[in-house]
Protein backbone atom coordinates (compact mmCIF):
# COMPACT_ATOMS: atom_id res chain seq x y z
CA MET A 1 -33.85 -3.48 27.26
CA LEU A 2 -31.19 -2.49 24.68
CA GLU A 3 -33.44 -3.71 21.83
CA LYS A 4 -32.25 -1.09 19.33
CA GLU A 5 -28.60 -1.64 20.21
CA ILE A 6 -28.97 -5.41 19.79
CA LYS A 7 -30.59 -4.95 16.39
CA ALA A 8 -27.85 -2.52 15.30
CA TYR A 9 -25.03 -4.93 16.14
CA ALA A 10 -26.95 -7.93 14.77
CA LEU A 11 -27.46 -6.18 11.44
CA ARG A 12 -23.81 -5.16 11.19
CA ASN A 13 -22.69 -8.63 12.22
CA ALA A 14 -24.87 -10.24 9.55
CA ILE A 15 -23.62 -7.87 6.86
CA GLU A 16 -19.96 -8.46 7.76
CA TYR A 17 -20.02 -12.22 8.41
CA GLY A 18 -23.02 -13.39 6.35
CA LYS A 19 -24.86 -14.41 9.51
CA ALA A 20 -25.37 -12.72 12.88
CA SER A 21 -24.13 -14.59 15.95
CA PRO A 22 -25.36 -13.91 19.52
CA ASP A 23 -21.86 -14.62 20.87
CA ARG A 24 -20.40 -11.77 18.81
CA ILE A 25 -23.13 -9.33 19.83
CA LEU A 26 -23.15 -9.87 23.60
CA PRO A 27 -19.69 -8.31 24.32
CA LYS A 28 -20.67 -5.13 22.42
CA LEU A 29 -23.55 -4.45 24.81
CA PHE A 30 -21.29 -3.85 27.82
CA GLN A 31 -20.42 -0.50 26.19
CA HIS A 32 -24.12 0.37 26.51
CA GLY A 33 -24.47 -0.42 30.21
CA LEU A 34 -25.18 -4.15 30.24
CA GLN A 35 -24.20 -5.72 33.57
CA LYS A 36 -22.85 -9.26 33.92
CA GLU A 37 -25.69 -10.27 36.24
CA ASN A 38 -28.18 -9.48 33.43
CA ILE A 39 -26.61 -11.75 30.79
CA LYS A 40 -29.03 -14.66 31.31
CA GLU A 41 -31.96 -12.27 31.13
CA ILE A 42 -30.90 -10.62 27.88
CA MET A 43 -29.66 -13.68 25.91
CA PRO A 44 -33.17 -14.79 24.78
CA GLU A 45 -33.77 -11.28 23.36
CA ILE A 46 -30.42 -11.35 21.54
CA LYS A 47 -31.22 -14.75 20.03
CA LYS A 48 -34.71 -13.64 18.99
CA ILE A 49 -33.41 -10.52 17.22
CA THR A 50 -30.50 -12.32 15.52
CA ASP A 51 -32.91 -14.95 14.17
CA GLU A 52 -35.10 -12.14 12.75
CA VAL A 53 -32.10 -10.41 11.18
CA ASN A 54 -30.75 -13.64 9.68
CA ALA A 55 -34.12 -14.24 7.99
CA LEU A 56 -33.79 -10.96 6.07
CA SER A 57 -32.20 -10.66 2.66
CA LYS A 58 -28.83 -8.94 2.53
CA GLU A 59 -30.43 -6.07 0.66
CA ASP A 60 -32.96 -5.58 3.48
CA GLN A 61 -30.27 -5.89 6.13
CA GLN A 62 -28.29 -3.07 4.53
CA THR A 63 -31.39 -0.88 4.11
CA ILE A 64 -32.53 -1.32 7.72
CA PHE A 65 -29.00 -0.94 9.10
CA ALA A 66 -28.87 2.61 7.73
CA ASN A 67 -31.51 3.51 10.36
CA TYR A 68 -29.65 1.82 13.22
CA LYS A 69 -25.94 2.43 12.54
CA ASP A 70 -25.84 5.49 14.83
CA MET A 71 -26.52 3.17 17.78
CA ILE A 72 -23.13 1.52 17.36
CA LYS A 73 -20.18 2.64 19.46
CA GLU A 74 -16.90 2.23 17.65
CA ARG A 75 -13.72 1.61 19.56
CA VAL A 76 -10.96 3.89 18.41
CA GLU A 77 -8.03 1.64 17.63
CA LYS A 78 -4.61 2.64 16.47
CA GLU A 79 -3.93 1.48 12.96
CA LYS A 80 -1.92 -1.70 13.06
CA THR A 81 1.27 -1.60 11.05
CA LEU A 82 4.21 -3.95 10.84
CA PRO A 83 7.25 -2.82 12.87
CA GLU A 84 10.53 -1.61 11.44
CA LEU A 85 13.26 -4.19 10.88
CA PRO A 86 16.24 -3.90 13.25
CA ASN A 87 19.45 -2.65 11.63
CA ALA A 88 17.82 -2.36 8.22
CA ILE A 89 19.51 -0.18 5.61
CA GLN A 90 17.65 1.11 2.56
CA GLY A 91 18.71 -0.82 -0.53
CA LYS A 92 20.67 -3.39 1.48
CA VAL A 93 17.95 -5.61 2.96
CA LEU A 94 17.86 -9.16 1.58
CA THR A 95 15.19 -11.61 2.75
CA ARG A 96 14.53 -15.16 1.66
CA ILE A 97 11.58 -17.46 1.13
CA ALA A 98 12.67 -21.03 1.89
CA PRO A 99 10.04 -23.70 1.19
CA GLU A 100 10.84 -27.41 1.13
CA PRO A 101 9.33 -28.71 -2.14
CA SER A 102 7.74 -31.72 -0.46
CA LYS A 103 4.11 -30.58 -0.23
CA TYR A 104 1.68 -27.92 -1.37
CA LEU A 105 1.61 -24.52 0.29
CA HIS A 106 -1.05 -23.51 2.81
CA ILE A 107 -2.17 -20.23 4.35
CA GLY A 108 0.68 -20.20 6.90
CA HIS A 109 3.21 -20.25 4.06
CA ALA A 110 1.39 -17.42 2.28
CA ILE A 111 1.60 -15.12 5.30
CA SER A 112 5.28 -15.92 5.86
CA PHE A 113 6.19 -15.42 2.19
CA LEU A 114 4.28 -12.15 1.92
CA LEU A 115 5.98 -10.94 5.09
CA ASN A 116 9.44 -11.49 3.61
CA SER A 117 8.39 -9.91 0.32
CA PHE A 118 6.82 -6.92 2.12
CA TYR A 119 10.00 -6.04 4.01
CA ALA A 120 12.19 -6.44 0.93
CA GLU A 121 9.97 -3.96 -0.92
CA LYS A 122 9.70 -1.63 2.09
CA TYR A 123 13.48 -1.20 2.23
CA LYS A 124 13.98 -1.36 -1.56
CA GLY A 125 15.96 -4.56 -1.12
CA LYS A 126 15.67 -8.05 -2.58
CA CYS A 127 13.69 -11.19 -1.79
CA LEU A 128 15.07 -14.55 -2.93
CA ILE A 129 13.50 -17.99 -3.18
CA ARG A 130 15.58 -20.84 -1.82
CA PHE A 131 14.23 -24.34 -2.31
CA ASP A 132 15.31 -26.51 0.63
CA ASP A 133 15.51 -29.68 -1.45
CA ALA A 134 17.87 -31.67 0.81
CA ASN A 135 15.38 -34.51 1.40
CA PRO A 136 15.61 -36.56 -1.84
CA GLU A 137 12.99 -39.02 -0.59
CA LYS A 138 10.35 -36.28 -0.25
CA VAL A 139 11.05 -33.48 -2.74
CA SER A 140 9.99 -33.35 -6.39
CA GLN A 141 9.76 -31.10 -9.43
CA ASP A 142 5.96 -31.20 -9.24
CA TYR A 143 6.09 -29.47 -5.85
CA VAL A 144 8.60 -26.93 -7.15
CA ASP A 145 6.31 -26.07 -10.05
CA SER A 146 3.28 -25.83 -7.77
CA ILE A 147 5.06 -23.58 -5.26
CA LEU A 148 6.35 -21.25 -7.97
CA ASP A 149 2.85 -21.03 -9.42
CA ASP A 150 1.43 -20.08 -6.01
CA ILE A 151 4.17 -17.55 -5.33
CA LYS A 152 4.21 -15.85 -8.72
CA ASN A 153 0.66 -16.23 -10.05
CA TYR A 154 -1.39 -16.17 -6.86
CA LEU A 155 0.57 -14.20 -4.27
CA ALA A 156 2.11 -12.04 -7.05
CA ILE A 157 5.56 -12.13 -5.43
CA LYS A 158 8.39 -11.39 -7.85
CA PRO A 159 11.58 -13.03 -6.53
CA ASN A 160 14.90 -11.50 -7.49
CA LYS A 161 16.54 -14.92 -7.70
CA ILE A 162 15.66 -18.60 -7.40
CA LYS A 163 18.11 -21.23 -6.20
CA PHE A 164 18.23 -24.72 -4.72
CA ILE A 165 20.13 -26.17 -1.78
CA SER A 166 21.27 -28.93 -4.17
CA ASP A 167 23.16 -26.28 -6.17
CA ASP A 168 25.74 -25.92 -3.40
CA MET A 169 26.47 -29.48 -2.29
CA LYS A 170 30.20 -29.18 -2.95
CA ILE A 171 30.35 -26.05 -0.82
CA PHE A 172 28.59 -27.87 2.04
CA TYR A 173 31.13 -30.69 1.79
CA GLN A 174 34.01 -28.19 1.95
CA TYR A 175 32.58 -26.58 5.09
CA ALA A 176 32.00 -30.03 6.64
CA GLU A 177 35.66 -30.92 6.03
CA LYS A 178 36.74 -27.67 7.63
CA LEU A 179 34.79 -28.60 10.77
CA ILE A 180 36.42 -32.06 10.81
CA LYS A 181 39.95 -30.65 10.33
CA ASP A 182 39.34 -28.09 13.08
CA ASN A 183 38.18 -30.92 15.40
CA HIS A 184 34.59 -29.59 15.56
CA ALA A 185 32.85 -32.54 13.85
CA PHE A 186 33.14 -36.32 13.92
CA MET A 187 31.86 -39.41 12.12
CA CYS A 188 29.50 -41.43 14.30
CA PHE A 189 28.57 -45.11 13.87
CA CYS A 190 26.24 -45.46 16.86
CA ASP A 191 22.84 -46.92 16.06
CA ARG A 192 19.84 -44.62 16.39
CA GLU A 193 18.66 -45.99 19.72
CA LYS A 194 22.09 -45.75 21.35
CA MET A 195 22.63 -42.23 20.04
CA GLN A 196 19.30 -41.06 21.43
CA LYS A 197 20.02 -42.58 24.85
CA LEU A 198 23.49 -41.02 25.08
CA ARG A 199 22.12 -37.62 24.09
CA HIS A 200 19.35 -37.94 26.65
CA ASP A 201 21.84 -38.89 29.37
CA GLY A 202 24.36 -36.23 28.29
CA ILE A 203 27.16 -38.72 27.61
CA GLU A 204 29.67 -38.44 24.74
CA CYS A 205 29.98 -41.44 22.45
CA SER A 206 33.37 -43.10 21.80
CA CYS A 207 33.24 -42.12 18.08
CA ARG A 208 33.97 -38.57 19.13
CA GLN A 209 37.45 -39.50 20.43
CA LYS A 210 38.95 -40.68 17.12
CA ASP A 211 41.80 -38.62 15.67
CA THR A 212 41.28 -36.16 12.83
CA LYS A 213 43.02 -38.34 10.23
CA THR A 214 40.67 -41.25 10.93
CA GLN A 215 37.67 -38.93 10.94
CA MET A 216 38.63 -37.54 7.52
CA LYS A 217 39.13 -41.02 6.02
CA GLU A 218 35.73 -42.14 7.30
CA TRP A 219 34.16 -38.95 5.92
CA LYS A 220 35.61 -39.64 2.45
CA ASP A 221 34.29 -43.20 2.58
CA PHE A 222 30.96 -41.80 3.71
CA LEU A 223 30.77 -39.58 0.61
CA LYS A 224 31.60 -42.53 -1.65
CA GLY A 225 28.68 -44.49 -0.28
CA LYS A 226 30.74 -47.21 1.39
CA TYR A 227 28.46 -47.39 4.41
CA LYS A 228 24.91 -48.67 4.43
CA VAL A 229 22.17 -46.06 4.86
CA GLY A 230 21.75 -45.32 8.56
CA LYS A 231 25.12 -46.87 9.48
CA ALA A 232 27.03 -43.57 9.69
CA VAL A 233 26.36 -39.85 10.18
CA LEU A 234 28.43 -36.72 10.66
CA ARG A 235 27.84 -34.94 13.97
CA ILE A 236 29.04 -31.61 15.25
CA LYS A 237 30.81 -31.43 18.60
CA GLY A 238 28.39 -29.54 20.77
CA ASN A 239 27.87 -29.53 24.53
CA MET A 240 26.46 -32.81 25.85
CA GLN A 241 25.51 -31.09 29.12
CA ASP A 242 23.52 -28.30 27.47
CA SER A 243 19.96 -27.98 28.76
CA ASN A 244 18.95 -27.42 25.12
CA HIS A 245 19.14 -30.98 23.74
CA VAL A 246 19.52 -29.59 20.21
CA MET A 247 23.10 -28.67 21.18
CA ARG A 248 24.04 -32.21 22.28
CA ASP A 249 26.24 -33.34 19.37
CA PRO A 250 23.55 -32.99 16.67
CA VAL A 251 23.67 -34.78 13.32
CA ILE A 252 24.56 -32.46 10.43
CA PHE A 253 24.95 -34.96 7.51
CA ARG A 254 23.23 -38.26 6.72
CA SER A 255 23.22 -40.78 3.86
CA VAL A 256 20.25 -41.18 1.52
CA LYS A 257 19.72 -43.96 -1.02
CA GLU A 258 16.86 -42.38 -3.01
CA ALA A 259 17.71 -40.52 -6.21
CA HIS A 260 17.22 -36.74 -6.15
CA PHE A 261 14.90 -35.23 -8.75
CA ARG A 262 17.62 -32.82 -9.91
CA THR A 263 20.98 -34.43 -9.13
CA LYS A 264 19.85 -38.09 -9.48
CA THR A 265 22.42 -40.30 -7.65
CA LYS A 266 25.34 -37.88 -7.84
CA TYR A 267 25.28 -37.25 -4.09
CA LYS A 268 24.81 -39.98 -1.49
CA VAL A 269 25.29 -37.75 1.57
CA TRP A 270 22.99 -34.82 2.33
CA PRO A 271 23.17 -31.97 4.87
CA MET A 272 20.55 -31.49 7.59
CA TYR A 273 18.55 -28.25 7.85
CA ASP A 274 20.49 -27.08 10.90
CA PHE A 275 23.70 -27.15 8.88
CA TYR A 276 22.73 -25.97 5.41
CA SER A 277 20.43 -23.16 6.54
CA PRO A 278 23.04 -20.93 8.26
CA VAL A 279 25.61 -21.76 5.59
CA GLU A 280 23.25 -20.97 2.71
CA ASP A 281 21.97 -17.77 4.37
CA SER A 282 25.58 -16.55 4.46
CA ILE A 283 26.32 -17.61 0.87
CA MET A 284 23.18 -15.82 -0.37
CA GLY A 285 23.94 -12.67 1.60
CA VAL A 286 20.69 -12.76 3.57
CA THR A 287 20.48 -9.86 6.04
CA HIS A 288 17.18 -10.61 7.81
CA ILE A 289 15.49 -13.93 8.53
CA LEU A 290 11.77 -13.76 9.28
CA ARG A 291 10.33 -17.08 10.42
CA SER A 292 7.99 -18.70 12.93
CA ASN A 293 9.22 -19.40 16.46
CA GLU A 294 9.21 -23.18 15.98
CA PHE A 295 12.92 -22.74 15.18
CA ASP A 296 13.63 -20.99 18.48
CA GLN A 297 15.60 -23.84 20.06
CA ARG A 298 17.67 -24.24 16.90
CA VAL A 299 18.96 -20.66 16.84
CA PRO A 300 21.91 -21.40 19.23
CA LEU A 301 23.01 -24.27 16.97
CA HIS A 302 22.81 -22.11 13.85
CA ASN A 303 24.82 -19.44 15.64
CA LEU A 304 27.43 -22.02 16.69
CA ILE A 305 27.86 -23.26 13.11
CA SER A 306 28.15 -19.68 11.82
CA HIS A 307 30.76 -18.93 14.50
CA LEU A 308 32.86 -22.05 13.82
CA LEU A 309 32.83 -21.44 10.06
CA LYS A 310 33.31 -17.67 10.45
CA LEU A 311 30.11 -16.94 8.56
CA LYS A 312 28.20 -13.69 8.70
CA GLN A 313 25.17 -13.90 10.97
CA GLN A 314 21.75 -12.46 10.18
CA GLU A 315 19.14 -10.52 12.10
CA ILE A 316 16.52 -13.10 13.12
CA ILE A 317 12.93 -11.99 13.65
CA GLN A 318 10.62 -14.72 14.93
CA TYR A 319 6.87 -14.69 15.33
CA GLY A 320 4.12 -17.08 16.41
CA ARG A 321 2.93 -19.82 14.09
CA PHE A 322 -0.29 -19.37 12.16
CA ASN A 323 -2.69 -22.25 12.73
CA VAL A 324 -6.04 -22.55 10.99
CA MET A 325 -8.64 -24.05 13.30
CA ASP A 326 -10.59 -27.12 12.16
CA ALA A 327 -8.39 -27.59 9.10
CA THR A 328 -5.98 -30.34 8.07
CA THR A 329 -2.52 -29.00 7.12
CA LYS A 330 -0.26 -32.02 7.66
CA GLY A 331 0.97 -33.36 4.33
CA ARG A 332 0.77 -37.03 5.30
CA GLU A 333 -2.84 -36.74 6.47
CA ILE A 334 -3.84 -34.91 3.30
CA ARG A 335 -2.11 -37.51 1.10
CA ASP A 336 -4.03 -40.29 2.85
CA LEU A 337 -7.35 -38.45 2.36
CA ILE A 338 -6.60 -37.94 -1.34
CA LYS A 339 -5.48 -41.54 -1.78
CA SER A 340 -8.68 -42.81 -0.16
CA GLY A 341 -10.76 -40.73 -2.57
CA GLU A 342 -12.35 -38.68 0.21
CA PHE A 343 -10.64 -35.50 -1.06
CA ILE A 344 -10.48 -34.59 -4.76
CA GLY A 345 -6.88 -33.40 -4.49
CA TRP A 346 -4.65 -30.79 -2.86
CA ASP A 347 -7.19 -28.19 -3.95
CA ASP A 348 -10.14 -29.84 -2.17
CA PRO A 349 -12.42 -27.07 -0.78
CA ARG A 350 -12.08 -28.50 2.74
CA LEU A 351 -8.36 -27.69 2.73
CA VAL A 352 -6.56 -24.41 3.40
CA THR A 353 -3.88 -25.02 0.78
CA LEU A 354 -3.29 -22.06 -1.50
CA LYS A 355 -4.57 -24.15 -4.41
CA ALA A 356 -7.90 -24.63 -2.62
CA LEU A 357 -8.20 -21.04 -1.38
CA LYS A 358 -7.47 -19.67 -4.84
CA ARG A 359 -10.19 -21.82 -6.40
CA ARG A 360 -12.60 -20.67 -3.72
CA GLY A 361 -11.97 -17.01 -4.54
CA ILE A 362 -9.83 -15.90 -1.57
CA THR A 363 -7.77 -12.96 -2.83
CA LYS A 364 -4.10 -12.20 -2.30
CA GLU A 365 -5.17 -8.89 -0.76
CA ALA A 366 -6.97 -10.82 1.99
CA PHE A 367 -3.69 -12.41 3.08
CA LEU A 368 -1.97 -9.03 3.12
CA GLU A 369 -4.74 -7.51 5.21
CA LEU A 370 -4.69 -10.50 7.55
CA LEU A 371 -0.93 -10.13 7.97
CA ASN A 372 -1.28 -6.44 8.74
CA HIS A 373 -4.11 -7.18 11.18
CA ILE A 374 -2.18 -9.83 13.12
CA GLY A 375 1.28 -8.26 13.03
CA LEU A 376 4.44 -9.94 14.31
CA VAL A 377 3.10 -11.31 17.57
CA LYS A 378 5.27 -13.75 19.53
CA HIS A 379 2.48 -16.16 20.48
CA ASP A 380 0.88 -18.67 18.12
CA VAL A 381 -2.16 -17.36 16.27
CA ASN A 382 -5.23 -19.54 15.75
CA LEU A 383 -7.04 -18.40 12.64
CA ASP A 384 -10.75 -18.99 12.17
CA PHE A 385 -11.76 -19.28 8.51
CA ASN A 386 -14.55 -16.82 9.35
CA MET A 387 -11.83 -14.22 9.98
CA ILE A 388 -10.32 -14.88 6.57
CA ALA A 389 -13.76 -14.78 4.97
CA SER A 390 -14.63 -11.52 6.72
CA ILE A 391 -11.49 -9.82 5.40
CA ASN A 392 -11.98 -11.23 1.92
CA ARG A 393 -15.63 -10.12 1.93
CA LYS A 394 -14.64 -6.51 2.60
CA ILE A 395 -12.30 -6.67 -0.39
CA ILE A 396 -14.61 -8.29 -2.95
CA ASP A 397 -18.03 -7.03 -1.80
CA PRO A 398 -17.58 -3.53 -3.31
CA ILE A 399 -16.63 -4.95 -6.73
CA ALA A 400 -18.31 -8.36 -7.11
CA LYS A 401 -21.18 -8.24 -9.60
CA ARG A 402 -24.57 -9.58 -8.52
CA TYR A 403 -26.47 -12.38 -10.22
CA TYR A 404 -29.35 -14.70 -9.31
CA PHE A 405 -29.06 -18.42 -8.55
CA VAL A 406 -31.74 -20.78 -7.25
CA ASP A 407 -30.73 -24.18 -5.91
CA ASN A 408 -33.09 -27.17 -6.16
CA PRO A 409 -35.37 -25.09 -8.44
CA LEU A 410 -39.16 -25.29 -8.62
CA GLU A 411 -41.06 -23.90 -11.58
CA LEU A 412 -43.94 -21.53 -10.77
CA ASP A 413 -46.85 -20.46 -12.97
CA ILE A 414 -48.03 -17.00 -11.89
CA LYS A 415 -51.68 -16.15 -12.45
CA ASN A 416 -52.42 -12.61 -13.72
CA ALA A 417 -48.70 -11.76 -13.97
CA PRO A 418 -47.77 -8.53 -15.85
CA SER A 419 -46.65 -9.03 -19.42
CA THR A 420 -43.15 -7.88 -18.55
CA LEU A 421 -40.62 -9.13 -21.07
CA GLN A 422 -37.47 -7.51 -19.73
CA ILE A 423 -36.27 -5.57 -16.70
CA GLU A 424 -33.06 -3.78 -15.78
CA ILE A 425 -31.28 -4.61 -12.53
CA PRO A 426 -28.23 -2.83 -11.04
CA ILE A 427 -25.14 -4.99 -11.47
CA HIS A 428 -24.05 -3.78 -8.02
CA PRO A 429 -25.79 -1.76 -5.26
CA ASN A 430 -22.89 0.73 -5.29
CA ASN A 431 -23.38 1.35 -9.03
CA PRO A 432 -27.13 1.79 -9.48
CA LYS A 433 -26.63 3.34 -12.92
CA VAL A 434 -24.78 0.29 -14.30
CA LEU A 435 -27.57 -2.11 -15.24
CA ARG A 436 -27.91 -5.61 -16.63
CA GLU A 437 -30.87 -6.60 -18.73
CA VAL A 438 -32.84 -9.59 -17.49
CA ARG A 439 -35.37 -11.29 -19.72
CA VAL A 440 -38.65 -12.45 -18.18
CA THR A 441 -41.07 -15.08 -19.41
CA PRO A 442 -44.53 -13.68 -18.53
CA GLY A 443 -46.10 -15.68 -15.74
CA LYS A 444 -43.32 -18.23 -15.32
CA VAL A 445 -40.26 -18.21 -13.02
CA TYR A 446 -38.09 -20.63 -11.06
CA ILE A 447 -37.50 -20.25 -7.32
CA SER A 448 -35.60 -22.42 -4.85
CA LYS A 449 -37.33 -25.25 -3.04
CA LYS A 450 -35.99 -23.85 0.23
CA ASP A 451 -37.71 -20.49 -0.31
CA PHE A 452 -40.93 -22.21 -1.33
CA ASN A 453 -40.99 -24.36 1.81
CA GLU A 454 -40.23 -21.38 4.04
CA PHE A 455 -42.79 -18.96 2.58
CA LYS A 456 -45.52 -21.17 1.05
CA GLY A 457 -48.96 -19.64 1.46
CA LYS A 458 -47.43 -16.20 2.03
CA GLU A 459 -46.84 -13.08 -0.04
CA VAL A 460 -43.23 -12.55 -1.15
CA ARG A 461 -41.43 -10.21 -3.51
CA LEU A 462 -39.47 -11.51 -6.46
CA LEU A 463 -36.36 -9.32 -6.19
CA HIS A 464 -36.57 -6.27 -8.49
CA LEU A 465 -39.69 -7.71 -10.19
CA TYR A 466 -43.09 -7.87 -8.43
CA ASN A 467 -44.96 -9.46 -5.56
CA ILE A 468 -46.66 -12.84 -5.63
CA LYS A 469 -48.54 -15.07 -3.24
CA LEU A 470 -47.08 -18.56 -3.08
CA PRO A 471 -49.46 -21.51 -3.01
CA SER A 472 -49.58 -23.79 0.03
CA LYS A 473 -48.92 -26.65 -2.35
CA GLY A 474 -48.57 -27.14 -6.08
CA SER A 475 -46.98 -24.73 -8.53
CA LYS A 476 -49.71 -22.10 -9.13
CA ALA A 477 -48.76 -18.71 -7.62
CA GLU A 478 -50.73 -15.48 -7.92
CA PHE A 479 -49.57 -11.98 -8.82
CA THR A 480 -50.43 -9.44 -6.09
CA SER A 481 -48.79 -6.08 -6.86
CA ILE A 482 -45.85 -4.16 -8.29
CA GLU A 483 -45.36 -2.13 -5.09
CA ASN A 484 -42.14 -2.81 -3.20
CA LYS A 485 -43.63 -3.82 0.14
CA ASP A 486 -41.89 -4.66 3.39
CA ILE A 487 -42.23 -8.41 2.81
CA PRO A 488 -39.69 -11.24 2.38
CA LYS A 489 -37.70 -10.99 -0.85
CA ILE A 490 -36.56 -14.06 -2.76
CA THR A 491 -34.39 -14.66 -5.81
CA TRP A 492 -35.77 -16.07 -9.03
CA VAL A 493 -34.72 -17.07 -12.53
CA SER A 494 -36.68 -16.87 -15.76
CA PHE A 495 -34.39 -17.66 -18.71
CA PRO A 496 -32.21 -20.21 -16.91
CA GLN A 497 -28.63 -21.36 -17.32
CA LYS A 498 -27.71 -24.60 -15.59
CA ALA A 499 -25.18 -24.04 -12.83
CA LYS A 500 -23.70 -25.93 -9.89
CA VAL A 501 -21.68 -24.81 -6.88
CA LEU A 502 -19.03 -26.82 -5.03
CA MET A 503 -19.57 -26.17 -1.33
CA PRO A 504 -16.95 -26.06 1.47
CA ASP A 505 -17.90 -29.57 2.63
CA GLY A 506 -17.14 -31.04 -0.81
CA SER A 507 -20.79 -31.45 -1.86
CA TRP A 508 -22.34 -29.99 -5.01
CA VAL A 509 -25.42 -27.78 -5.04
CA GLU A 510 -27.15 -27.86 -8.41
CA GLY A 511 -29.55 -25.24 -9.67
CA LEU A 512 -30.31 -22.54 -12.19
CA ALA A 513 -28.69 -19.14 -12.65
CA ASP A 514 -29.89 -16.27 -14.79
CA GLU A 515 -28.59 -16.33 -18.33
CA ASN A 516 -26.39 -13.27 -17.78
CA ILE A 517 -23.68 -15.44 -16.20
CA ARG A 518 -22.76 -16.39 -19.77
CA GLU A 519 -20.89 -13.08 -19.97
CA LEU A 520 -18.51 -14.23 -17.22
CA LYS A 521 -15.01 -15.59 -17.72
CA VAL A 522 -13.36 -18.33 -15.68
CA ASP A 523 -11.88 -16.91 -12.41
CA SER A 524 -14.63 -14.26 -12.16
CA ILE A 525 -15.65 -13.74 -8.53
CA ILE A 526 -19.30 -12.74 -8.20
CA GLN A 527 -22.11 -12.83 -5.68
CA PHE A 528 -25.16 -14.99 -6.08
CA GLU A 529 -27.62 -12.84 -4.14
CA ARG A 530 -28.92 -14.41 -0.93
CA PHE A 531 -26.60 -17.38 -1.55
CA GLY A 532 -22.99 -16.24 -1.26
CA PHE A 533 -19.81 -15.22 -3.07
CA VAL A 534 -18.58 -17.70 -5.66
CA ARG A 535 -15.80 -18.04 -8.22
CA LEU A 536 -16.43 -19.37 -11.73
CA ASP A 537 -14.17 -22.40 -12.04
CA LYS A 538 -15.23 -24.14 -15.24
CA ILE A 539 -17.61 -23.77 -18.18
CA SER A 540 -18.95 -26.92 -19.79
CA LYS A 541 -21.87 -27.85 -22.03
CA GLN A 542 -23.65 -29.36 -19.04
CA ALA A 543 -23.33 -26.46 -16.59
CA TYR A 544 -21.37 -23.49 -15.32
CA GLU A 545 -19.33 -24.75 -12.37
CA PHE A 546 -18.66 -22.41 -9.44
CA TRP A 547 -16.74 -22.80 -6.17
CA PHE A 548 -18.30 -21.35 -3.04
CA ALA A 549 -16.13 -18.76 -1.29
CA HIS A 550 -18.19 -17.62 1.71
CA ARG A 551 -21.38 -15.79 2.62
């Protein structure tokens, strides 16, 4: 029942994702008449066929799929495009990218930054970078340099201007004094625990009742560093009965003892995000703010500050957060893993930082396509790395050159092998006329231990070369024929170049690649046939080092 349909979807699934999965195939069969009550009956057949398909080489999967693709029913979907910005005027749109330089960027940042850049370009406007460096104890120049490298050299975003929150400290102080003079802010000396309890209970603290003259004097002393860190803060007069606790007299300035990487110890009092963000957006002339909905509860506070200071407000477009499943993105956790030696750094292949994804060969175009695919949905989006890999595969598969690589190699002596000294192999299936020359040592090749164990005692085809029968044990194989039979195909290497591949779990796979990889340059993204897509990371005397991207 539905055998051909199952095989069609299994083949397509394997080609797109590197491996067919029964769970992805089952839903497709309902279009072909499968009933829910028959699921248990058909699952063994689905598993059997997917196992058969997964055992085939990618080349065979593509060849066989050509005979089955007509069985597939495609759903007609409207092309997903990002919506228009509200109240956007050509040439007048100004968006901003606002990272805090306290950690390395991850995939969520990439999507957000590209979104802001996309709309600036769409409306022929400008996109600015604003470094939110108001946490002296966390921010550093190293993070600034890393972020700029990711933005400019990886995401290829060209900002129209770069500025820092620390550039405008005097302006923030002036606006704070205006709030104090207008009786909208007050100096508070309550300890942290007391402040939290009063806010929770909706009760104003006594500090709020002091006159303006006293408030201003205490503010000036605050700026001079006369109070111990944590002893005093500046709070805005909100509504202590508001159901949104953010509005209950929030802190807008605090003291910090650590030196800032740019201003050193010049400033001892620093603004909180809820204060400097609306102020800076107005100073910069931002027209549209695109950000994740984690700021939703803070919007009323930002609007209040803009209203009290008579600042121009922006159009705010919020969307769900992008979460990558089974990946660590919290800076503190990553730092601990690096410190312990478990991770090699912020570019460890187990991370989804932009540093790691770049080294693995994930392209900027994949992020753009992912953004276009997801759109500006309001709910949080859980991303599976397989989704990212699938999109990236569609981008690089048509252009990535093909080479051979055998891991854990075994040397074979082939009895009665043809005296072939050189063959020509297409550099890519889509360009059969563009060939690479591969030298062959008559009667001697290397194959992977995995292939040997799987096919020992059986006839196999050395890809693009000839057929051999593997021994049940030992290293003596036997030539059988030149004919391209319908038998398992395996990769091989004759004139080897040592190579190793860093896998997604942080382990290295060592092996031999064909000598043609010597023509590659660092950053080249290629496909090792029947192994996966890889990026050349380093060339040394010992070996060519690659990072595994995906199947």
